Protein backbone atom coordinates (compact mmCIF):
# COMPACT_ATOMS: atom_id res chain seq x y z
CA MET A 1 42.62 -22.20 -10.85
CA THR A 2 41.81 -21.84 -14.24
CA THR A 3 38.26 -21.35 -13.73
CA LEU A 4 38.48 -18.48 -11.29
CA PRO A 5 38.98 -15.57 -13.88
CA PRO A 6 35.90 -16.95 -16.02
CA ARG A 7 33.71 -16.77 -13.04
CA ARG A 8 34.84 -13.23 -12.08
CA LYS A 9 33.79 -12.06 -15.67
CA ARG A 10 30.41 -13.66 -15.34
CA SER A 11 29.90 -12.16 -11.87
CA VAL A 12 30.99 -8.68 -13.24
CA ALA A 13 28.74 -9.22 -16.36
CA ALA A 14 25.99 -10.32 -14.24
CA GLY A 15 26.15 -7.21 -12.07
CA LEU A 16 26.32 -4.94 -15.03
CA THR A 17 23.35 -6.52 -16.45
CA ALA A 18 21.42 -6.14 -13.09
CA VAL A 19 22.53 -2.41 -13.12
CA GLY A 20 21.30 -1.98 -16.51
CA ALA A 21 17.69 -3.48 -15.66
CA VAL A 22 17.41 -1.05 -12.66
CA ALA A 23 18.36 2.05 -14.77
CA MET A 24 15.66 0.70 -17.51
CA LEU A 25 13.10 0.24 -14.96
CA SER A 26 13.81 3.46 -13.46
CA GLY A 27 13.58 5.29 -16.72
CA CYS A 28 10.32 3.54 -17.53
CA ASP A 29 8.93 4.46 -14.18
CA ASP A 30 9.60 8.07 -14.42
CA ASN A 31 8.39 8.00 -18.11
CA ASN A 32 5.08 6.37 -16.76
CA GLU A 33 4.81 8.92 -14.03
CA GLN A 34 5.11 11.78 -16.40
CA ALA A 35 2.68 10.41 -18.65
CA ARG A 36 0.00 10.24 -15.98
CA PHE A 37 0.86 13.34 -14.09
CA GLY A 38 2.83 15.60 -16.52
CA PRO A 39 6.32 16.99 -16.09
CA PRO A 40 7.55 17.31 -12.50
CA THR A 41 7.04 20.42 -10.33
CA GLU A 42 8.61 21.01 -6.75
CA VAL A 43 6.31 21.07 -3.63
CA ALA A 44 6.98 20.90 0.14
CA ALA A 45 5.74 18.21 2.23
CA PHE A 46 4.98 18.08 6.10
CA GLN A 47 3.71 15.93 8.46
CA THR A 48 2.70 18.80 11.07
CA ILE A 49 1.95 22.64 10.94
CA GLN A 50 4.85 23.11 13.51
CA GLN A 51 7.22 21.08 11.12
CA CYS A 52 5.99 23.31 8.21
CA VAL A 53 6.55 26.46 10.06
CA ASP A 54 9.95 25.33 11.40
CA SER A 55 11.14 24.81 7.94
CA GLY A 56 11.27 28.65 7.43
CA GLN A 57 9.65 28.33 4.05
CA TYR A 58 5.91 29.58 5.12
CA ASP A 59 4.29 31.59 7.80
CA ARG A 60 1.76 29.65 10.24
CA ALA A 61 -1.28 30.93 8.42
CA THR A 62 -0.26 29.22 5.19
CA CYS A 63 0.71 26.07 7.18
CA THR A 64 -2.46 25.92 8.89
CA ALA A 65 -4.63 26.56 5.66
CA ALA A 66 -2.55 23.66 4.07
CA GLN A 67 -3.40 21.24 6.76
CA GLN A 68 -7.21 22.13 7.05
CA LYS A 69 -7.72 21.72 3.47
CA ALA A 70 -5.96 18.32 3.55
CA PHE A 71 -8.18 17.33 6.58
CA ASN A 72 -11.41 18.76 4.77
CA GLU A 73 -10.90 16.79 1.55
CA ASP A 74 -9.52 13.71 3.10
CA GLY A 75 -13.04 11.94 3.55
CA LYS A 76 -13.66 12.36 -0.38
CA VAL A 77 -10.18 11.92 -1.89
CA ALA A 78 -8.54 9.30 0.24
CA PRO A 79 -7.85 5.86 -1.65
CA ARG A 80 -10.70 3.41 -0.89
CA PHE A 81 -10.51 -0.38 -0.30
CA ASP A 82 -13.05 -2.96 0.25
CA SER A 83 -11.21 -4.61 3.14
CA GLN A 84 -8.84 -3.60 5.87
CA GLN A 85 -6.36 -6.16 4.98
CA LEU A 86 -6.02 -4.69 1.29
CA CYS A 87 -5.59 -1.45 2.68
CA GLU A 88 -3.14 -2.32 5.19
CA GLU A 89 -1.08 -4.35 2.83
CA GLN A 90 0.09 -0.94 1.20
CA PHE A 91 -0.17 1.47 4.26
CA GLY A 92 0.68 -0.64 7.24
CA ALA A 93 -0.92 -2.18 9.99
CA ALA A 94 -3.41 -0.04 12.09
CA GLN A 95 -2.70 2.68 9.36
CA CYS A 96 -6.34 2.22 7.76
CA GLN A 97 -9.88 3.13 9.16
CA ARG A 98 -13.24 2.13 8.39
CA ARG A 99 -15.57 4.46 6.65
CA SER A 100 -18.99 4.66 5.02
CA GLU A 101 -20.76 6.59 2.38
CA GLY A 102 -24.18 6.05 0.53
CA GLY A 103 -24.78 2.87 2.17
CA GLN A 104 -21.10 1.49 1.15
CA SER A 105 -18.43 0.62 3.72
CA PHE A 106 -14.94 0.66 2.96
CA PHE A 107 -11.35 1.34 4.34
CA THR A 108 -9.03 4.41 3.72
CA PRO A 109 -5.51 5.08 4.87
CA LEU A 110 -4.92 7.58 7.60
CA LEU A 111 -3.97 11.07 6.29
CA THR A 112 -0.35 11.52 7.45
CA GLY A 113 0.65 14.80 5.77
CA PHE A 114 -0.10 17.62 3.79
CA LEU A 115 1.79 19.43 0.61
CA ILE A 116 2.31 22.97 -0.40
CA GLY A 117 2.88 23.65 -4.01
CA GLN A 118 3.13 26.88 -6.10
CA ILE A 119 1.23 27.67 -9.22
CA LEU A 120 2.09 30.35 -11.77
CA ASN A 121 -0.75 31.82 -13.50
CA ASN A 122 -1.08 35.06 -15.43
CA ASN A 123 2.32 36.25 -14.15
CA SER A 124 1.11 35.71 -10.59
CA SER A 125 1.45 32.82 -8.41
CA ARG A 126 -0.64 31.18 -5.57
CA TYR A 127 -0.37 28.17 -3.37
CA THR A 128 -1.99 24.96 -3.72
CA TYR A 129 -2.63 22.50 -1.01
CA GLY A 130 -3.17 18.60 -0.61
CA GLY A 131 -3.07 15.68 1.50
CA LEU A 132 -0.68 13.04 1.56
CA TYR A 133 -0.50 9.29 2.47
CA ARG A 134 2.41 7.18 3.29
CA ASP A 135 3.21 3.93 1.81
CA ARG A 136 4.79 1.82 4.43
CA ARG A 137 6.24 -0.71 1.91
CA GLN A 138 8.73 1.60 1.18
CA GLN A 139 12.03 2.27 3.52
CA GLY A 140 11.08 5.48 5.47
CA GLY A 141 7.65 5.77 3.96
CA GLY A 142 6.99 7.20 0.48
CA TRP A 143 4.59 10.05 0.08
CA TYR A 144 1.68 9.73 -2.24
CA THR A 145 -0.88 12.01 -3.26
CA PRO A 146 -4.66 10.88 -3.14
CA GLY A 147 -4.58 10.00 -6.98
CA GLY A 148 -1.40 8.01 -6.62
CA ALA A 149 1.36 10.42 -7.76
CA TYR A 150 4.56 9.65 -6.07
CA LEU A 151 6.65 12.49 -4.47
CA SER A 152 10.21 12.04 -5.38
CA PRO A 153 12.64 13.43 -2.70
CA SER A 154 14.64 16.54 -3.85
CA ASN A 155 16.05 18.30 -0.76
CA GLY A 156 15.00 18.49 2.84
CA TYR A 157 11.39 19.05 2.80
CA ARG A 158 11.22 19.68 -0.75
CA TYR A 159 9.92 17.01 -3.42
CA ASN A 160 9.12 16.54 -7.03
CA VAL A 161 5.75 15.46 -8.25
CA GLY A 162 3.90 15.59 -11.72
CA ARG A 163 2.37 18.95 -11.87
CA GLU A 164 -1.20 17.60 -12.85
CA ALA A 165 -1.19 15.72 -9.54
CA ILE A 166 -1.54 19.01 -7.73
CA THR A 167 -3.50 21.20 -10.09
CA THR A 168 -6.34 18.44 -11.45
CA PRO A 169 -9.05 18.07 -9.05
CA VAL A 170 -9.33 14.64 -7.69
CA THR A 171 -13.16 13.34 -7.40
CA THR A 172 -14.29 10.63 -5.12
CA GLN A 173 -12.30 7.51 -5.29
CA ARG A 174 -13.95 4.30 -6.40
CA ILE A 175 -13.52 1.40 -4.04
CA GLN A 176 -10.54 -0.86 -4.88
CA THR A 177 -10.87 -4.54 -4.69
CA ARG A 178 -8.10 -7.14 -4.64
CA SER A 179 -8.81 -7.85 -8.18
CA SER A 180 -8.69 -4.27 -9.37
CA VAL A 181 -5.58 -3.89 -7.47
CA VAL A 182 -3.93 -6.83 -8.76
CA SER A 183 -4.97 -5.80 -12.58
CA ARG A 184 -2.74 -2.64 -11.83
CA GLY A 185 0.25 -4.24 -10.61
CA GLY A 186 -0.49 -5.46 -7.15
CA PHE A 187 1.48 -4.23 -4.11
CA GLY A 188 5.10 -5.39 -5.33
CA GLY A 189 6.81 -2.28 -4.59
CA ARG A 190 7.44 1.40 -5.56
CA VAL A 191 8.06 0.53 -9.20
CA SER A 192 4.96 -1.51 -9.56
CA ALA A 193 2.73 0.97 -7.66
CA ARG A 194 3.98 3.84 -9.69
CA SER A 195 4.08 2.51 -13.40
CA SER A 196 0.66 0.58 -12.68
CA GLY A 197 -1.17 3.55 -11.10
CA GLY A 198 -0.78 2.34 -7.64
CA TRP A 199 -4.11 1.74 -5.90
CA GLY A 200 -6.17 3.87 -8.27
CA GLY A 201 -4.94 3.82 -11.62
CA GLY A 202 -5.60 7.39 -12.21
CA ARG A 203 -6.64 10.90 -10.60
CA SER A 204 -10.38 10.69 -11.17
CA PHE A 205 -12.56 7.82 -10.34
CA GLY A 206 -16.31 8.11 -10.96
CA GLY A 207 -17.58 4.76 -9.31
């Protein structure tokens, strides 16, 4: 009986230590995200045009333009992997497709959504659009931009993402191999993917 209180104390201490470790990881993760993509800005993310219209935030023309741009850019900016298995490890079974370009064959995740952001410039504002890809490793699926920036949930269809993730053009992605993925932290979860640069390690890859 005399050993019960010490056990409780050790359990509480271990719990506090675990909470502290999670908090430290979360803080480091946010810092890494901001270091790569700048301070957060709010965007809206949708799976379909109708979902976008139903949100009441944008008219149909804006929603259609956003989805169309995402489709038009998908072939160039989608994350590229040298094998179907490597792609599906992050984006889920049957969620990757084979493509080819310049004599090279590779796999990319399916485009699963689009974002709408607003940029202030010279006292005026304009919309910016982009495609989104869901990471199937996360509960509910986390949204990622083509360059690997994570969309943090805010409210409803609203999310926060690094400003540069929606203002800096994404060039053609280089093809990822298992060794290059492992060197960037592997597919161990959201913290690993975000702090290591996810599948690409940056916004612009030249080859």
